[in-house]
Amino acid sequence: MYEVVLNKQAEKIVNKQQKYIKTAFYKWSKIELPENPYDANDGKIVKTDYEGLQVYKKRFGNFRALFTINDETVIVKIFKFKSRGQSYKA
């Protein structure tokens, strides 16, 4: 099982969203993501490059969660949760 770490700034943004987005995000991050971060939610996770890092992204309505997976330390770090247009800006 992976440990999921959520950035405080991302957590603030998630908590301001509509109930259905918050519910979907927390279900995914607390139940599905720790068990298999590469295939959580039926493989609807996309690998991409972001600022020179190998990151993964997951869609929640018009929002994206960007996260990294470290197999050595068994940690998944969710570092960004923003609207689609803003999520890929530095």
N, C-alpha and C. Protein backbone atom coordinates (compact mmCIF):
# COMPACT_ATOMS: atom_id res chain seq x y z
N MET A 1 0.82 -1.18 0.00
CA MET A 1 0.00 0.00 0.00
C MET A 1 0.87 1.25 0.00
N TYR A 2 0.52 2.20 -0.83
CA TYR A 2 1.25 3.46 -0.93
C TYR A 2 0.69 4.47 0.07
N GLU A 3 1.56 5.32 0.57
CA GLU A 3 1.13 6.44 1.40
C GLU A 3 0.83 7.60 0.47
N VAL A 4 -0.31 8.24 0.64
CA VAL A 4 -0.70 9.36 -0.20
C VAL A 4 -0.51 10.65 0.59
N VAL A 5 0.29 11.57 0.04
CA VAL A 5 0.56 12.85 0.67
C VAL A 5 -0.06 13.94 -0.20
N LEU A 6 -0.88 14.76 0.42
CA LEU A 6 -1.58 15.83 -0.30
C LEU A 6 -1.00 17.17 0.11
N ASN A 7 -0.54 17.94 -0.86
CA ASN A 7 -0.01 19.28 -0.65
C ASN A 7 -1.09 20.14 0.00
N LYS A 8 -0.73 20.98 0.98
CA LYS A 8 -1.72 21.80 1.68
C LYS A 8 -2.46 22.76 0.75
N GLN A 9 -1.75 23.33 -0.22
CA GLN A 9 -2.39 24.24 -1.17
C GLN A 9 -3.42 23.49 -2.02
N ALA A 10 -3.07 22.28 -2.45
CA ALA A 10 -4.01 21.47 -3.23
C ALA A 10 -5.22 21.10 -2.38
N GLU A 11 -4.99 20.77 -1.12
CA GLU A 11 -6.09 20.41 -0.23
C GLU A 11 -7.06 21.57 -0.05
N LYS A 12 -6.55 22.79 0.07
CA LYS A 12 -7.41 23.97 0.19
C LYS A 12 -8.31 24.11 -1.02
N ILE A 13 -7.74 23.93 -2.19
CA ILE A 13 -8.50 24.08 -3.43
C ILE A 13 -9.56 22.99 -3.54
N VAL A 14 -9.21 21.76 -3.19
CA VAL A 14 -10.17 20.65 -3.23
C VAL A 14 -11.35 20.95 -2.31
N ASN A 15 -11.07 21.44 -1.11
CA ASN A 15 -12.13 21.69 -0.13
C ASN A 15 -13.07 22.82 -0.53
N LYS A 16 -12.67 23.66 -1.48
CA LYS A 16 -13.52 24.76 -1.95
C LYS A 16 -14.43 24.32 -3.10
N GLN A 17 -14.25 23.11 -3.61
CA GLN A 17 -15.00 22.65 -4.78
C GLN A 17 -16.39 22.16 -4.40
N GLN A 18 -17.18 21.92 -5.43
CA GLN A 18 -18.53 21.39 -5.23
C GLN A 18 -18.44 20.01 -4.59
N LYS A 19 -19.51 19.62 -3.93
CA LYS A 19 -19.51 18.38 -3.16
C LYS A 19 -19.17 17.15 -4.00
N TYR A 20 -19.67 17.06 -5.23
CA TYR A 20 -19.42 15.87 -6.03
C TYR A 20 -17.94 15.74 -6.42
N ILE A 21 -17.25 16.87 -6.61
CA ILE A 21 -15.83 16.83 -6.92
C ILE A 21 -15.03 16.43 -5.68
N LYS A 22 -15.36 17.03 -4.54
CA LYS A 22 -14.68 16.67 -3.28
C LYS A 22 -14.86 15.19 -2.97
N THR A 23 -16.08 14.70 -3.10
CA THR A 23 -16.36 13.30 -2.80
C THR A 23 -15.58 12.38 -3.71
N ALA A 24 -15.59 12.67 -5.00
CA ALA A 24 -14.86 11.84 -5.96
C ALA A 24 -13.37 11.87 -5.69
N PHE A 25 -12.83 13.05 -5.40
CA PHE A 25 -11.39 13.18 -5.14
C PHE A 25 -10.98 12.40 -3.89
N TYR A 26 -11.71 12.58 -2.80
CA TYR A 26 -11.33 11.91 -1.56
C TYR A 26 -11.53 10.39 -1.64
N LYS A 27 -12.55 9.94 -2.34
CA LYS A 27 -12.72 8.50 -2.55
C LYS A 27 -11.52 7.94 -3.32
N TRP A 28 -11.14 8.63 -4.36
CA TRP A 28 -10.01 8.21 -5.19
C TRP A 28 -8.70 8.23 -4.40
N SER A 29 -8.45 9.34 -3.68
CA SER A 29 -7.16 9.50 -3.00
C SER A 29 -7.03 8.65 -1.73
N LYS A 30 -8.13 8.32 -1.09
CA LYS A 30 -8.06 7.54 0.16
C LYS A 30 -8.23 6.04 -0.07
N ILE A 31 -8.97 5.64 -1.09
CA ILE A 31 -9.28 4.23 -1.29
C ILE A 31 -8.57 3.64 -2.50
N GLU A 32 -8.73 4.25 -3.66
CA GLU A 32 -8.21 3.65 -4.90
C GLU A 32 -6.73 3.90 -5.11
N LEU A 33 -6.27 5.11 -4.90
CA LEU A 33 -4.89 5.48 -5.17
C LEU A 33 -3.86 4.73 -4.32
N PRO A 34 -4.06 4.54 -3.02
CA PRO A 34 -3.05 3.83 -2.22
C PRO A 34 -2.84 2.38 -2.64
N GLU A 35 -3.85 1.74 -3.16
CA GLU A 35 -3.73 0.33 -3.52
C GLU A 35 -2.94 0.11 -4.80
N ASN A 36 -3.21 0.90 -5.83
CA ASN A 36 -2.49 0.77 -7.08
C ASN A 36 -2.49 2.12 -7.80
N PRO A 37 -1.49 2.96 -7.54
CA PRO A 37 -1.51 4.31 -8.11
C PRO A 37 -1.38 4.35 -9.62
N TYR A 38 -0.88 3.30 -10.23
CA TYR A 38 -0.72 3.30 -11.68
C TYR A 38 -2.01 2.98 -12.42
N ASP A 39 -2.97 2.38 -11.73
CA ASP A 39 -4.19 1.96 -12.39
C ASP A 39 -5.43 2.33 -11.59
N ALA A 40 -5.34 3.30 -10.70
CA ALA A 40 -6.50 3.70 -9.90
C ALA A 40 -7.58 4.25 -10.82
N ASN A 41 -8.81 3.93 -10.53
CA ASN A 41 -9.97 4.40 -11.29
C ASN A 41 -9.95 3.90 -12.73
N ASP A 42 -9.80 2.62 -12.91
CA ASP A 42 -9.93 1.97 -14.22
C ASP A 42 -8.95 2.49 -15.27
N GLY A 43 -7.75 2.82 -14.86
CA GLY A 43 -6.73 3.22 -15.82
C GLY A 43 -6.91 4.58 -16.43
N LYS A 44 -7.72 5.44 -15.84
CA LYS A 44 -7.95 6.77 -16.40
C LYS A 44 -6.93 7.77 -15.88
N ILE A 45 -5.72 7.29 -15.67
CA ILE A 45 -4.62 8.13 -15.24
C ILE A 45 -3.65 8.24 -16.40
N VAL A 46 -3.20 9.44 -16.68
CA VAL A 46 -2.34 9.68 -17.84
C VAL A 46 -0.96 10.13 -17.36
N LYS A 47 0.07 9.54 -17.92
CA LYS A 47 1.45 9.92 -17.60
C LYS A 47 1.84 11.07 -18.52
N THR A 48 2.51 12.08 -17.97
CA THR A 48 2.90 13.24 -18.75
C THR A 48 4.18 13.83 -18.19
N ASP A 49 4.77 14.76 -18.92
CA ASP A 49 5.94 15.50 -18.43
C ASP A 49 5.47 16.86 -17.95
N TYR A 50 6.00 17.28 -16.81
CA TYR A 50 5.64 18.57 -16.23
C TYR A 50 6.89 19.12 -15.55
N GLU A 51 7.39 20.22 -16.05
CA GLU A 51 8.59 20.86 -15.52
C GLU A 51 9.74 19.86 -15.38
N GLY A 52 9.90 18.98 -16.34
CA GLY A 52 11.00 18.02 -16.33
C GLY A 52 10.78 16.80 -15.46
N LEU A 53 9.62 16.67 -14.86
CA LEU A 53 9.31 15.54 -13.99
C LEU A 53 8.35 14.58 -14.70
N GLN A 54 8.43 13.32 -14.34
CA GLN A 54 7.44 12.35 -14.80
C GLN A 54 6.27 12.44 -13.82
N VAL A 55 5.16 12.98 -14.25
CA VAL A 55 4.00 13.12 -13.37
C VAL A 55 2.80 12.42 -14.00
N TYR A 56 1.82 12.20 -13.18
CA TYR A 56 0.57 11.58 -13.61
C TYR A 56 -0.53 12.58 -13.35
N LYS A 57 -1.59 12.49 -14.14
CA LYS A 57 -2.71 13.39 -13.96
C LYS A 57 -4.02 12.62 -13.94
N LYS A 58 -4.95 13.13 -13.17
CA LYS A 58 -6.27 12.52 -13.04
C LYS A 58 -7.30 13.63 -13.14
N ARG A 59 -8.34 13.39 -13.90
CA ARG A 59 -9.37 14.39 -14.15
C ARG A 59 -10.52 14.26 -13.15
N PHE A 60 -10.99 15.42 -12.67
CA PHE A 60 -12.18 15.52 -11.83
C PHE A 60 -13.01 16.67 -12.38
N GLY A 61 -13.93 16.40 -13.27
CA GLY A 61 -14.70 17.46 -13.92
C GLY A 61 -13.76 18.34 -14.72
N ASN A 62 -13.76 19.64 -14.44
CA ASN A 62 -12.86 20.57 -15.11
C ASN A 62 -11.54 20.75 -14.38
N PHE A 63 -11.30 19.94 -13.36
CA PHE A 63 -10.08 20.05 -12.57
C PHE A 63 -9.16 18.87 -12.82
N ARG A 64 -7.87 19.10 -12.56
CA ARG A 64 -6.86 18.05 -12.70
C ARG A 64 -6.07 17.94 -11.42
N ALA A 65 -5.80 16.71 -11.03
CA ALA A 65 -4.88 16.44 -9.92
C ALA A 65 -3.58 15.96 -10.55
N LEU A 66 -2.47 16.61 -10.23
CA LEU A 66 -1.16 16.20 -10.71
C LEU A 66 -0.41 15.57 -9.55
N PHE A 67 0.19 14.41 -9.81
CA PHE A 67 0.88 13.72 -8.73
C PHE A 67 2.07 12.92 -9.23
N THR A 68 2.98 12.63 -8.31
CA THR A 68 4.15 11.81 -8.62
C THR A 68 4.07 10.52 -7.82
N ILE A 69 4.72 9.49 -8.32
CA ILE A 69 4.75 8.19 -7.65
C ILE A 69 6.20 7.82 -7.41
N ASN A 70 6.55 7.56 -6.16
CA ASN A 70 7.90 7.14 -5.82
C ASN A 70 7.83 5.70 -5.31
N ASP A 71 8.29 4.76 -6.13
CA ASP A 71 8.22 3.35 -5.77
C ASP A 71 9.21 2.97 -4.67
N GLU A 72 10.31 3.68 -4.56
CA GLU A 72 11.32 3.36 -3.54
C GLU A 72 10.81 3.65 -2.14
N THR A 73 10.17 4.80 -1.96
CA THR A 73 9.65 5.17 -0.64
C THR A 73 8.17 4.84 -0.48
N VAL A 74 7.55 4.32 -1.51
CA VAL A 74 6.14 3.94 -1.53
C VAL A 74 5.24 5.12 -1.14
N ILE A 75 5.51 6.25 -1.80
CA ILE A 75 4.74 7.47 -1.54
C ILE A 75 4.20 8.04 -2.85
N VAL A 76 2.94 8.45 -2.80
CA VAL A 76 2.32 9.18 -3.90
C VAL A 76 2.10 10.59 -3.38
N LYS A 77 2.65 11.59 -4.09
CA LYS A 77 2.51 12.97 -3.66
C LYS A 77 1.64 13.73 -4.65
N ILE A 78 0.48 14.16 -4.17
CA ILE A 78 -0.42 14.99 -4.98
C ILE A 78 0.00 16.43 -4.73
N PHE A 79 0.58 17.07 -5.74
CA PHE A 79 1.16 18.40 -5.51
C PHE A 79 0.37 19.53 -6.15
N LYS A 80 -0.61 19.22 -6.98
CA LYS A 80 -1.37 20.29 -7.60
C LYS A 80 -2.79 19.82 -7.89
N PHE A 81 -3.76 20.68 -7.63
CA PHE A 81 -5.16 20.44 -7.97
C PHE A 81 -5.71 21.77 -8.43
N LYS A 82 -5.88 21.91 -9.73
CA LYS A 82 -6.33 23.19 -10.29
C LYS A 82 -7.24 22.95 -11.47
N SER A 83 -7.82 24.04 -11.95
CA SER A 83 -8.65 23.93 -13.15
C SER A 83 -7.77 23.53 -14.32
N ARG A 84 -8.37 22.97 -15.33
CA ARG A 84 -7.62 22.43 -16.46
C ARG A 84 -6.67 23.46 -17.07
N GLY A 85 -7.10 24.67 -17.25
CA GLY A 85 -6.28 25.70 -17.85
C GLY A 85 -5.12 26.14 -16.98
N GLN A 86 -5.29 26.09 -15.67
CA GLN A 86 -4.26 26.55 -14.74
C GLN A 86 -3.31 25.46 -14.28
N SER A 87 -3.69 24.21 -14.41
CA SER A 87 -2.91 23.13 -13.80
C SER A 87 -1.55 22.91 -14.42
N TYR A 88 -1.35 23.32 -15.66
CA TYR A 88 -0.06 23.07 -16.30
C TYR A 88 0.84 24.29 -16.32
N LYS A 89 0.40 25.36 -15.68
CA LYS A 89 1.23 26.56 -15.56
C LYS A 89 2.07 26.44 -14.30
N ALA A 90 3.26 26.93 -14.33
CA ALA A 90 4.18 26.84 -13.18
C ALA A 90 3.74 27.66 -12.01
